[in-house]
């Protein structure tokens, strides 16, 4: 069964363009439908009573999770995509439904000038006295902030800005008092590249301001003599008379790990666990089959039954360290040994399937977030489902739903950091995926283009669709491989005035591009090296997003 996304719970989305091209008043591009069919590269048999990792497939990194009563809520980072900070709900920690985006109004945050892997980094979600809190960092866009909501589905408040340096803040609640723990520069000149520290300071949640002294809790990491790098993503919880501080260490790539410290006092001193790290995959053979790697940025949660679990990010490369779909959300049980939590024993591979939590089994959602799945968007609703995202904060409308179609006016070109492209897409959630749309569009001058764009970064992306070259309409494929300009890969003439179906077939590190007119389907290009869309080549922290795009150059 292929569920239609128009049946899913949706929030109204308003997408806009800061810098509209001079030709934006030209005829819009009209997209009749959008379909997605994805399959994981690993073939895993999930038995009754088991769940599948990842629990959120594709670009859903830096998960933060809480339990409120019998409900679980999870939020992910989203960088310069808008709307941002997707919020999910679950009853069983396995089946998740997106219920909102915490950043869904242009007035909340301004991403103008930000590259795709800047803006909102790892968030933290918490709950106190009837209110949900997200504390977060907008990198290169004013820094750290808090937003609140009575309903986690939204609306979320405008930011309360916080006056401290660093990233990855989280809130620890103790009674009616709140403390923010976060990454920051150490209280000494850095000894080496990546030397950071973890600090804590009280937060007056009623007044919305930091109070009292700031205390350094961790300098460098587990053992500063070994020059640990990028201690970040800290969370504090209390159990059996101890304060436990968990954090990521080693950077968010192949050396990623999760470590833990504990103290009898909130402000330390914190002692590291002798068995650290409590989660990593860096000791395993990178050539192992169906590998999961780069695991870390974990948060622990206790169920209503007293069990402990951890959500964390990891990746599934299709070869070496190549993955196009970004960092994903995984789930593992936590065991306690001699007063210390352990997510996974050293040199043990993260399993793709394992026993489900002891919680009431949730129904597989209409739009799955894990395993193989398909969906179809007919653009026949009043608004786009909340899973659609654009690039940077919008300021004026560039799309509308009309007569069962998505109409896109022109926006800024891809790569223009001070503009918003007329691009709206969905995450590529599987290494193997087929993505298709039907387009009605007639380019009127050279450079006009409309079709599908696959975007990993502002400098690593591709366009497949209709354009005009030398005064003639063609279907064309352009790529941008860590560059500021496009390269034409292939083109072919097409008749005007007729709908064209565009299909991208991704198979791990390669892509093929098909176009259909009047029932005849041809392949424009097969075997394209799609590693240009990998994090390994493009850099950054996001995953590939694919969707309709329209651009008309200035006259």
Protein backbone atom coordinates (compact mmCIF):
# COMPACT_ATOMS: atom_id res chain seq x y z
CA UNK A 1 0.00 0.00 0.00
CA UNK A 2 1.28 3.47 -0.85
CA UNK A 3 -0.26 5.99 1.58
CA UNK A 4 -0.95 9.44 0.20
CA UNK A 5 0.68 12.19 2.17
CA UNK A 6 -2.41 14.37 1.95
CA UNK A 7 -3.93 12.04 4.57
CA UNK A 8 -1.23 12.83 7.13
CA UNK A 9 -1.53 15.41 9.92
CA UNK A 10 -0.15 18.65 8.53
CA UNK A 11 0.63 22.15 9.62
CA UNK A 12 0.22 25.06 7.20
CA UNK A 13 3.61 25.98 5.73
CA UNK A 14 4.45 29.37 4.31
CA UNK A 15 7.53 29.40 2.13
CA UNK A 16 8.96 32.61 0.81
CA UNK A 17 11.89 34.03 -1.08
CA UNK A 18 14.19 36.75 0.19
CA UNK A 19 15.75 37.45 -3.19
CA UNK A 20 13.41 36.86 -6.09
CA UNK A 21 14.89 36.75 -9.56
CA UNK A 22 13.82 39.41 -12.03
CA UNK A 23 11.84 36.84 -13.98
CA UNK A 24 9.75 35.70 -11.02
CA UNK A 25 6.60 37.08 -12.65
CA UNK A 26 7.03 34.66 -15.57
CA UNK A 27 4.77 31.61 -15.89
CA UNK A 28 5.18 29.33 -12.87
CA UNK A 29 6.36 25.76 -13.12
CA UNK A 30 3.53 23.31 -12.41
CA UNK A 31 4.18 19.93 -10.74
CA UNK A 32 1.29 17.47 -10.82
CA UNK A 33 2.56 14.88 -8.32
CA UNK A 34 5.58 13.64 -6.41
CA UNK A 35 6.29 9.99 -5.65
CA UNK A 36 8.93 8.27 -3.53
CA UNK A 37 9.84 4.58 -3.27
CA UNK A 38 12.78 3.67 -1.02
CA UNK A 39 14.61 0.49 -0.03
CA UNK A 40 17.42 0.00 2.47
CA UNK A 41 20.66 -1.44 1.15
CA UNK A 42 20.80 -3.95 4.01
CA UNK A 43 18.34 -6.84 3.91
CA UNK A 44 17.24 -7.47 7.46
CA UNK A 45 14.56 -9.87 8.64
CA UNK A 46 12.71 -8.29 11.57
CA UNK A 47 10.97 -10.95 13.67
CA UNK A 48 7.83 -10.57 15.75
CA UNK A 49 8.64 -8.62 18.89
CA UNK A 50 11.63 -6.89 17.29
CA UNK A 51 12.22 -3.41 15.88
CA UNK A 52 14.42 -2.11 13.09
CA UNK A 53 17.28 0.38 13.26
CA UNK A 54 17.33 3.18 12.37
CA UNK A 55 14.04 4.27 13.89
CA UNK A 56 14.15 7.49 11.82
CA UNK A 57 15.64 6.87 8.38
CA UNK A 58 17.53 9.58 6.55
CA UNK A 59 18.59 13.05 7.61
CA UNK A 60 17.36 13.13 11.22
CA UNK A 61 20.50 13.73 13.30
CA UNK A 62 21.23 14.78 16.90
CA UNK A 63 18.10 13.26 18.48
CA UNK A 64 16.92 14.49 21.87
CA UNK A 65 14.23 12.45 23.60
CA UNK A 66 12.00 12.80 26.67
CA UNK A 67 9.10 10.95 28.24
CA UNK A 68 6.03 12.82 29.51
CA UNK A 69 3.64 10.36 31.12
CA UNK A 70 3.27 7.49 28.66
CA UNK A 71 4.26 9.58 25.63
CA UNK A 72 7.73 10.06 24.15
CA UNK A 73 8.83 13.15 22.25
CA UNK A 74 11.89 13.53 20.06
CA UNK A 75 13.41 16.49 18.22
CA UNK A 76 16.20 16.60 15.63
CA UNK A 77 18.58 19.22 14.30
CA UNK A 78 17.80 20.67 10.86
CA UNK A 79 20.47 23.34 10.19
CA UNK A 80 19.42 25.90 7.55
CA UNK A 81 16.39 24.01 6.25
CA UNK A 82 13.01 25.60 6.88
CA UNK A 83 10.73 24.70 8.56
CA UNK A 84 13.13 23.26 11.11
CA UNK A 85 13.56 21.26 14.31
CA UNK A 86 11.07 18.46 13.49
CA UNK A 87 9.18 17.17 16.52
CA UNK A 88 8.00 13.53 16.78
CA UNK A 89 5.75 11.59 19.17
CA UNK A 90 5.70 7.88 20.01
CA UNK A 91 4.13 5.47 22.47
CA UNK A 92 6.74 2.73 22.12
CA UNK A 93 10.06 4.43 21.15
CA UNK A 94 9.90 2.58 17.83
CA UNK A 95 6.98 3.95 15.80
CA UNK A 96 7.21 7.71 15.44
CA UNK A 97 4.88 10.30 13.93
CA UNK A 98 6.00 13.82 13.16
CA UNK A 99 3.63 16.24 14.89
CA UNK A 100 5.21 19.57 14.04
CA UNK A 101 8.23 21.74 13.34
CA UNK A 102 9.36 23.92 16.23
CA UNK A 103 10.73 26.52 13.79
CA UNK A 104 7.90 27.18 11.33
CA UNK A 105 7.54 30.98 11.23
CA UNK A 106 10.01 33.34 9.54
CA UNK A 107 9.90 35.67 12.55
CA UNK A 108 11.52 33.03 14.77
CA UNK A 109 14.95 32.71 13.12
CA UNK A 110 16.67 34.35 10.15
CA UNK A 111 18.94 32.02 8.15
CA UNK A 112 19.92 34.66 5.58
CA UNK A 113 23.55 34.18 4.56
CA UNK A 114 23.83 30.81 6.26
CA UNK A 115 25.15 27.74 4.48
CA UNK A 116 23.00 24.63 4.69
CA UNK A 117 25.10 23.07 7.45
CA UNK A 118 25.03 26.17 9.63
CA UNK A 119 22.05 27.55 11.61
CA UNK A 120 20.26 25.21 14.08
CA UNK A 121 22.53 22.52 15.55
CA UNK A 122 21.73 19.83 18.14
CA UNK A 123 18.53 20.69 20.08
CA UNK A 124 17.42 19.51 23.51
CA UNK A 125 13.77 19.00 24.46
CA UNK A 126 12.53 18.97 28.05
CA UNK A 127 9.29 19.44 30.00
CA UNK A 128 8.46 21.28 33.21
CA UNK A 129 5.24 22.41 34.88
CA UNK A 130 3.03 22.03 31.81
CA UNK A 131 5.46 23.59 29.33
CA UNK A 132 7.81 22.05 26.77
CA UNK A 133 11.24 23.63 26.28
CA UNK A 134 13.70 23.39 23.40
CA UNK A 135 17.13 24.90 23.97
CA UNK A 136 19.31 25.17 20.87
CA UNK A 137 22.07 27.00 19.01
CA UNK A 138 21.68 29.02 15.82
CA UNK A 139 25.26 28.94 14.53
CA UNK A 140 26.28 32.25 12.94
CA UNK A 141 22.75 33.57 13.57
CA UNK A 142 22.76 35.02 17.11
CA UNK A 143 23.78 31.93 19.08
CA UNK A 144 21.96 30.08 21.86
CA UNK A 145 18.25 30.36 22.59
CA UNK A 146 15.21 28.82 24.29
CA UNK A 147 11.75 28.36 22.80
CA UNK A 148 8.66 27.06 24.60
CA UNK A 149 5.27 25.53 23.84
CA UNK A 150 2.28 24.24 25.78
CA UNK A 151 1.66 21.72 23.00
CA UNK A 152 4.74 20.03 21.49
CA UNK A 153 3.00 20.11 18.10
CA UNK A 154 3.22 23.89 18.34
CA UNK A 155 3.04 26.75 18.08
CA UNK A 156 6.46 27.31 19.64
CA UNK A 157 7.43 30.72 20.94
CA UNK A 158 9.88 33.16 19.46
CA UNK A 159 13.42 32.67 20.81
CA UNK A 160 14.68 33.90 24.14
CA UNK A 161 18.36 34.58 23.41
CA UNK A 162 21.00 33.38 25.86
CA UNK A 163 24.32 35.20 26.41
CA UNK A 164 26.90 32.43 26.36
CA UNK A 165 29.34 31.10 23.79
CA UNK A 166 29.33 27.55 22.49
CA UNK A 167 26.87 24.99 21.14
CA UNK A 168 24.62 22.09 22.13
CA UNK A 169 22.91 23.42 25.28
CA UNK A 170 20.51 21.23 27.25
CA UNK A 171 18.36 21.84 30.31
CA UNK A 172 18.60 19.83 33.51
CA UNK A 173 15.62 20.28 35.81
CA UNK A 174 15.94 19.81 39.57
CA UNK A 175 12.72 20.54 41.38
CA UNK A 176 11.65 24.01 40.32
CA UNK A 177 15.14 25.09 39.22
CA UNK A 178 16.71 24.76 35.76
CA UNK A 179 20.36 24.51 34.75
CA UNK A 180 21.79 24.74 31.25
CA UNK A 181 24.76 22.55 30.46
CA UNK A 182 26.59 23.22 27.20
CA UNK A 183 29.78 23.06 25.14
CA UNK A 184 32.09 26.06 25.38
CA UNK A 185 35.75 27.03 25.14
CA UNK A 186 37.83 25.86 28.14
CA UNK A 187 38.89 28.20 30.95
CA UNK A 188 42.44 28.16 29.60
CA UNK A 189 44.01 28.76 26.19
CA UNK A 190 43.13 25.73 24.01
CA UNK A 191 45.91 23.16 24.11
CA UNK A 192 45.09 21.68 20.68
CA UNK A 193 42.55 21.79 17.85
CA UNK A 194 39.20 20.51 19.11
CA UNK A 195 39.93 21.24 22.79
CA UNK A 196 36.54 22.21 24.23
CA UNK A 197 34.84 22.04 27.61
CA UNK A 198 31.43 21.44 29.22
CA UNK A 199 29.96 24.18 31.43
CA UNK A 200 26.86 24.63 33.59
CA UNK A 201 24.91 27.69 34.72
CA UNK A 202 21.51 28.21 36.32
CA UNK A 203 18.68 29.38 34.08
CA UNK A 204 15.86 31.47 35.56
CA UNK A 205 13.04 30.00 33.48
CA UNK A 206 10.49 32.47 34.80
CA UNK A 207 12.57 35.53 33.82
CA UNK A 208 14.14 33.88 30.78
CA UNK A 209 17.75 34.68 31.72
CA UNK A 210 20.95 33.09 32.98
CA UNK A 211 21.78 33.69 36.65
CA UNK A 212 24.69 32.98 38.96
CA UNK A 213 28.14 31.75 38.12
CA UNK A 214 29.10 29.50 35.23
CA UNK A 215 31.09 26.43 36.23
CA UNK A 216 33.35 24.30 34.05
CA UNK A 217 32.49 20.63 34.56
CA UNK A 218 34.62 18.81 31.97
CA UNK A 219 37.88 20.04 30.44
CA UNK A 220 38.65 18.43 27.10
CA UNK A 221 36.99 15.07 27.68
CA UNK A 222 37.61 11.78 29.46
CA UNK A 223 41.41 12.17 29.58
CA UNK A 224 42.84 15.50 28.48
CA UNK A 225 46.29 13.94 28.37
CA UNK A 226 45.13 11.99 25.29
CA UNK A 227 43.89 15.19 23.60
CA UNK A 228 40.22 14.25 23.23
CA UNK A 229 38.37 16.43 20.72
CA UNK A 230 34.94 18.02 20.41
CA UNK A 231 33.31 17.16 23.72
CA UNK A 232 29.72 18.26 22.99
CA UNK A 233 26.03 17.38 23.14
CA UNK A 234 25.96 17.12 26.96
CA UNK A 235 22.98 15.92 28.99
CA UNK A 236 22.64 15.54 32.76
CA UNK A 237 20.27 13.25 34.67
CA UNK A 238 20.16 12.01 38.25
CA UNK A 239 19.95 8.41 39.45
CA UNK A 240 20.62 6.73 42.81
CA UNK A 241 22.27 9.76 44.37
CA UNK A 242 24.58 10.51 41.42
CA UNK A 243 24.48 13.15 38.72
CA UNK A 244 25.37 11.56 35.40
CA UNK A 245 26.73 13.66 32.56
CA UNK A 246 26.81 12.06 29.12
CA UNK A 247 28.38 13.71 26.09
CA UNK A 248 29.65 13.02 22.60
CA UNK A 249 33.41 12.92 22.07
CA UNK A 250 35.65 12.50 19.04
CA UNK A 251 33.74 14.51 16.45
CA UNK A 252 30.66 13.40 14.55
CA UNK A 253 32.47 11.28 11.94
CA UNK A 254 34.19 7.88 12.15
CA UNK A 255 35.74 8.57 15.60
CA UNK A 256 32.42 9.54 17.14
CA UNK A 257 31.61 8.16 20.59
CA UNK A 258 29.50 8.65 23.69
CA UNK A 259 31.12 9.00 27.12
CA UNK A 260 29.78 9.31 30.66
CA UNK A 261 30.89 10.95 33.92
CA UNK A 262 29.26 11.11 37.35
CA UNK A 263 29.36 13.22 40.49
CA UNK A 264 27.70 13.47 43.89
CA UNK A 265 27.33 17.22 43.35
CA UNK A 266 25.71 18.95 40.39
CA UNK A 267 28.72 21.21 39.87
CA UNK A 268 31.25 18.41 40.21
CA UNK A 269 33.85 17.18 40.36
CA UNK A 270 32.80 14.68 37.67
CA UNK A 271 34.65 11.37 37.41
CA UNK A 272 34.81 9.57 34.05
CA UNK A 273 33.71 5.95 33.71
CA UNK A 274 36.76 3.68 33.43
CA UNK A 275 34.97 1.73 30.69
CA UNK A 276 34.40 4.76 28.42
CA UNK A 277 33.19 5.09 25.75
CA UNK A 278 29.75 3.64 26.42
CA UNK A 279 28.98 3.73 22.68
CA UNK A 280 31.24 3.80 19.63
CA UNK A 281 31.84 1.93 16.37
CA UNK A 282 35.35 3.26 15.68
CA UNK A 283 37.08 0.05 16.81
CA UNK A 284 35.33 -2.17 14.26
CA UNK A 285 36.37 -3.16 10.75
CA UNK A 286 35.01 -0.46 8.42
CA UNK A 287 34.69 -3.08 5.67
CA UNK A 288 32.18 -5.19 7.62
CA UNK A 289 28.93 -5.91 5.76
CA UNK A 290 25.88 -3.71 6.38
CA UNK A 291 27.92 -1.49 8.63
CA UNK A 292 26.54 1.21 10.91
CA UNK A 293 29.12 3.81 11.87
CA UNK A 294 29.86 7.22 13.42
CA UNK A 295 27.60 6.56 16.43
CA UNK A 296 27.22 9.15 19.20
CA UNK A 297 25.25 12.20 20.36
CA UNK A 298 23.10 9.99 22.58
CA UNK A 299 20.44 10.83 25.13
CA UNK A 300 19.13 8.39 27.73
CA UNK A 301 15.47 8.06 28.70
CA UNK A 302 13.79 5.92 31.35
CA UNK A 303 10.49 4.23 30.47
CA UNK A 304 7.47 4.10 32.74
CA UNK A 305 8.49 0.48 33.40
CA UNK A 306 11.91 1.51 34.74
CA UNK A 307 13.90 0.37 31.69
CA UNK A 308 16.52 2.64 30.13
CA UNK A 309 17.01 3.32 26.42
CA UNK A 310 19.16 5.65 24.35
CA UNK A 311 18.54 7.45 21.10
CA UNK A 312 21.60 8.49 19.13
CA UNK A 313 22.81 9.33 15.64
CA UNK A 314 24.71 7.01 13.33
CA UNK A 315 25.16 6.46 9.59
CA UNK A 316 24.78 3.64 7.06
CA UNK A 317 27.43 3.96 4.32
CA UNK A 318 26.87 2.27 0.97
CA UNK A 319 30.65 1.96 0.51
CA UNK A 320 33.71 3.05 2.50
CA UNK A 321 32.47 6.15 4.35
CA UNK A 322 30.10 7.31 1.61
CA UNK A 323 26.50 8.06 2.51
CA UNK A 324 24.19 10.59 0.85
CA UNK A 325 21.17 10.42 3.15
CA UNK A 326 22.77 11.97 6.21
CA UNK A 327 22.97 11.00 9.85
CA UNK A 328 20.00 9.03 11.18
CA UNK A 329 18.29 8.30 14.52
CA UNK A 330 18.93 4.91 16.15
CA UNK A 331 17.71 3.26 19.35
CA UNK A 332 19.45 0.85 21.76
CA UNK A 333 18.72 -0.47 25.26
CA UNK A 334 20.89 0.73 28.14
CA UNK A 335 22.25 -1.68 30.73
CA UNK A 336 23.61 -0.66 34.13
CA UNK A 337 26.76 -2.20 35.58
CA UNK A 338 28.25 -1.19 38.92
CA UNK A 339 26.40 2.10 38.81
CA UNK A 340 27.35 3.03 35.22
CA UNK A 341 25.18 3.04 32.07
CA UNK A 342 26.39 1.14 29.00
CA UNK A 343 24.69 1.54 25.63
CA UNK A 344 26.82 -1.00 23.75
CA UNK A 345 29.89 -3.03 24.71
CA UNK A 346 33.15 -2.15 22.99
CA UNK A 347 33.83 -3.87 19.65
CA UNK A 348 30.15 -4.83 19.29
CA UNK A 349 28.34 -3.81 16.11
CA UNK A 350 25.08 -1.91 16.33
CA UNK A 351 22.33 -4.38 15.40
CA UNK A 352 19.87 -3.67 12.62
CA UNK A 353 17.12 -5.54 14.48
CA UNK A 354 16.64 -6.37 18.15
CA UNK A 355 14.01 -6.93 20.83
CA UNK A 356 11.47 -4.13 21.16
CA UNK A 357 11.04 -2.08 24.35
CA UNK A 358 8.62 -3.39 26.98
CA UNK A 359 5.98 -0.88 26.01
CA UNK A 360 2.52 -1.10 24.45
CA UNK A 361 3.12 -1.83 20.79
CA UNK A 362 2.39 1.14 18.56
CA UNK A 363 0.81 0.79 15.14
CA UNK A 364 3.05 1.35 12.13
CA UNK A 365 2.30 4.95 11.14
CA UNK A 366 0.64 5.89 7.87
CA UNK A 367 3.94 7.45 6.83
CA UNK A 368 6.63 5.07 8.10
CA UNK A 369 9.96 6.39 9.32
CA UNK A 370 11.88 3.11 9.17
CA UNK A 371 12.31 0.19 6.81
CA UNK A 372 11.26 0.17 3.16
CA UNK A 373 8.36 2.45 2.29
CA UNK A 374 6.70 4.49 -0.43
CA UNK A 375 4.47 7.54 -0.54
CA UNK A 376 2.70 9.67 -3.11
CA UNK A 377 1.89 13.39 -2.90
CA UNK A 378 -0.84 14.59 -5.26
CA UNK A 379 -0.66 18.25 -4.16
CA UNK A 380 -4.40 18.22 -3.66
CA UNK A 381 -4.55 19.36 -0.03
CA UNK A 382 -4.87 22.83 1.47
CA UNK A 383 -1.23 22.84 2.56
CA UNK A 384 1.87 20.74 2.13
CA UNK A 385 2.56 18.11 4.80
CA UNK A 386 5.09 19.17 7.43
CA UNK A 387 7.81 16.88 6.05
CA UNK A 388 8.46 19.28 3.14
CA UNK A 389 11.39 21.65 3.68
CA UNK A 390 13.02 24.51 1.83
CA UNK A 391 16.37 26.29 2.07
CA UNK A 392 16.81 29.23 4.45
CA UNK A 393 14.14 31.41 6.03
CA UNK A 394 11.40 32.54 3.66
CA UNK A 395 10.10 36.10 3.47
CA UNK A 396 7.47 36.07 0.71
CA UNK A 397 5.45 33.28 -0.94
CA UNK A 398 7.05 31.39 -3.82
CA UNK A 399 4.68 28.42 -4.09
CA UNK A 400 0.98 27.60 -3.96
CA UNK A 401 -1.25 24.56 -4.28
CA UNK A 402 -3.76 25.03 -7.08
CA UNK A 403 -6.01 22.59 -8.89
CA UNK A 404 -4.17 19.48 -7.69
CA UNK A 405 -0.74 20.84 -8.55
CA UNK A 406 2.21 22.56 -6.92
CA UNK A 407 2.98 25.85 -8.67
CA UNK A 408 6.45 27.31 -8.18
CA UNK A 409 7.37 30.87 -9.03
CA UNK A 410 11.05 31.63 -9.58
CA UNK A 411 13.36 32.26 -6.64
CA UNK A 412 17.05 32.72 -6.06
CA UNK A 413 19.47 30.31 -7.75
CA UNK A 414 20.82 27.39 -5.75
CA UNK A 415 23.98 28.47 -3.97
CA UNK A 416 22.94 32.10 -3.43
CA UNK A 417 23.43 32.37 0.34
CA UNK A 418 21.52 35.63 0.56
CA UNK A 419 18.46 34.28 -1.22
CA UNK A 420 15.85 31.57 -0.95
CA UNK A 421 15.57 29.27 -3.98
CA UNK A 422 12.13 28.22 -5.20
CA UNK A 423 12.91 24.71 -3.98
CA UNK A 424 10.81 22.52 -1.73
CA UNK A 425 11.76 18.94 -1.11
CA UNK A 426 11.69 15.79 0.94
CA UNK A 427 14.55 13.93 2.56
CA UNK A 428 16.08 11.04 0.63
CA UNK A 429 15.63 8.40 3.32
CA UNK A 430 17.12 5.34 1.60
CA UNK A 431 20.34 4.67 -0.28
CA UNK A 432 18.20 3.02 -2.96
CA UNK A 433 15.30 5.25 -3.94
CA UNK A 434 13.16 6.17 -6.94
CA UNK A 435 11.81 9.72 -6.97
CA UNK A 436 9.50 11.05 -9.65
CA UNK A 437 7.40 14.06 -10.57
CA UNK A 438 5.32 15.20 -13.55
CA UNK A 439 6.10 18.70 -14.75
CA UNK A 440 4.30 21.19 -16.99
CA UNK A 441 6.66 23.98 -17.98
CA UNK A 442 7.92 25.78 -21.06
CA UNK A 443 11.24 27.64 -20.79
CA UNK A 444 11.18 30.90 -22.72
CA UNK A 445 14.84 31.90 -22.69
CA UNK A 446 18.23 30.34 -22.11
CA UNK A 447 18.82 29.54 -18.47
CA UNK A 448 15.16 29.10 -17.52
CA UNK A 449 14.86 25.82 -15.64
CA UNK A 450 12.32 23.77 -13.72
CA UNK A 451 12.47 20.19 -12.55
CA UNK A 452 13.93 18.13 -9.72
CA UNK A 453 16.91 19.26 -7.65
CA UNK A 454 18.86 17.01 -5.30
CA UNK A 455 20.66 19.16 -2.76
CA UNK A 456 23.33 18.10 -0.28
CA UNK A 457 24.86 21.55 0.12
CA UNK A 458 24.98 24.97 -1.53
CA UNK A 459 28.01 23.77 -3.54
CA UNK A 460 27.11 20.09 -3.98
CA UNK A 461 23.83 19.45 -5.77
CA UNK A 462 22.28 18.55 -9.11
CA UNK A 463 19.40 19.65 -11.33
CA UNK A 464 17.40 17.40 -13.66
CA UNK A 465 14.61 18.96 -15.68
CA UNK A 466 13.51 21.28 -18.46
CA UNK A 467 15.57 24.25 -19.62
CA UNK A 468 16.53 26.11 -22.77
CA UNK A 469 19.99 25.88 -24.35
CA UNK A 470 20.87 27.79 -27.51
CA UNK A 471 17.25 28.84 -27.93
CA UNK A 472 15.96 25.25 -27.92
CA UNK A 473 13.97 23.46 -25.20
CA UNK A 474 15.74 20.44 -23.74
CA UNK A 475 15.70 18.09 -20.81
CA UNK A 476 19.06 18.43 -19.10
CA UNK A 477 21.17 17.21 -16.20
CA UNK A 478 23.52 19.62 -14.44
CA UNK A 479 25.77 18.80 -11.48
CA UNK A 480 27.68 20.92 -9.02
CA UNK A 481 30.46 18.95 -7.30
CA UNK A 482 31.89 21.08 -4.46
CA UNK A 483 31.82 23.99 -6.90
CA UNK A 484 30.18 27.37 -7.41
CA UNK A 485 29.08 26.68 -10.99
CA UNK A 486 27.10 23.95 -12.76
CA UNK A 487 28.49 21.39 -15.20
CA UNK A 488 26.22 20.19 -18.01
CA UNK A 489 26.30 16.39 -18.02
CA UNK A 490 23.70 15.54 -20.68
CA UNK A 491 20.78 17.04 -22.59
CA UNK A 492 18.20 15.98 -25.16
CA UNK A 493 15.52 17.85 -27.14
CA UNK A 494 11.93 17.66 -25.89
CA UNK A 495 8.66 18.92 -27.35
CA UNK A 496 7.04 21.88 -25.63
CA UNK A 497 3.54 22.17 -24.27
CA UNK A 498 3.33 18.61 -22.98
CA UNK A 499 3.75 17.19 -19.48
CA UNK A 500 7.13 15.55 -18.83
CA UNK A 501 7.65 12.93 -16.15
CA UNK A 502 11.07 13.14 -14.50
CA UNK A 503 12.45 10.19 -12.54
CA UNK A 504 15.64 9.90 -10.51
CA UNK A 505 16.79 6.38 -9.64
CA UNK A 506 19.37 6.31 -6.84
CA UNK A 507 21.29 3.09 -6.20
CA UNK A 508 23.87 3.68 -3.50
CA UNK A 509 26.56 5.82 -5.07
CA UNK A 510 25.09 6.03 -8.58
CA UNK A 511 22.04 7.66 -10.13
CA UNK A 512 20.06 7.31 -13.35
CA UNK A 513 17.76 9.92 -14.87
CA UNK A 514 14.69 9.05 -16.94
CA UNK A 515 12.20 11.31 -18.68
CA UNK A 516 8.86 10.42 -20.19
CA UNK A 517 6.81 12.27 -22.80
CA UNK A 518 3.58 10.95 -24.36
CA UNK A 519 4.12 7.56 -22.73
CA UNK A 520 7.60 7.07 -24.16
CA UNK A 521 10.32 6.82 -21.46
CA UNK A 522 13.99 7.45 -22.22
CA UNK A 523 17.08 7.51 -20.06
CA UNK A 524 19.03 10.74 -20.30
CA UNK A 525 21.93 9.54 -18.14
CA UNK A 526 22.71 6.36 -16.23
CA UNK A 527 25.59 5.50 -13.93
CA UNK A 528 26.16 9.07 -12.72
CA UNK A 529 28.68 9.13 -9.86
CA UNK A 530 26.36 10.33 -7.08
CA UNK A 531 29.08 10.45 -4.43
CA UNK A 532 29.07 14.20 -5.15
CA UNK A 533 25.99 14.17 -2.87
CA UNK A 534 27.79 12.31 -0.08
CA UNK A 535 28.84 13.87 3.19
CA UNK A 536 32.34 12.52 2.56
CA UNK A 537 32.72 14.73 -0.52
CA UNK A 538 30.36 17.61 0.21
CA UNK A 539 31.14 17.97 3.91
CA UNK A 540 28.62 19.33 6.36
CA UNK A 541 26.03 17.75 8.61
CA UNK A 542 22.84 17.37 6.55
CA UNK A 543 21.51 14.79 4.07
CA UNK A 544 20.27 14.97 0.50
CA UNK A 545 16.89 16.63 0.02
CA UNK A 546 15.11 16.12 -3.33
CA UNK A 547 12.21 18.08 -4.74
CA UNK A 548 10.75 20.54 -7.25
CA UNK A 549 12.83 23.58 -8.21
CA UNK A 550 12.27 26.58 -10.49
CA UNK A 551 14.67 29.33 -11.48
CA UNK A 552 14.43 32.07 -14.08
CA UNK A 553 17.57 34.21 -14.50
CA UNK A 554 17.35 37.98 -14.46
CA UNK A 555 16.73 39.50 -17.89
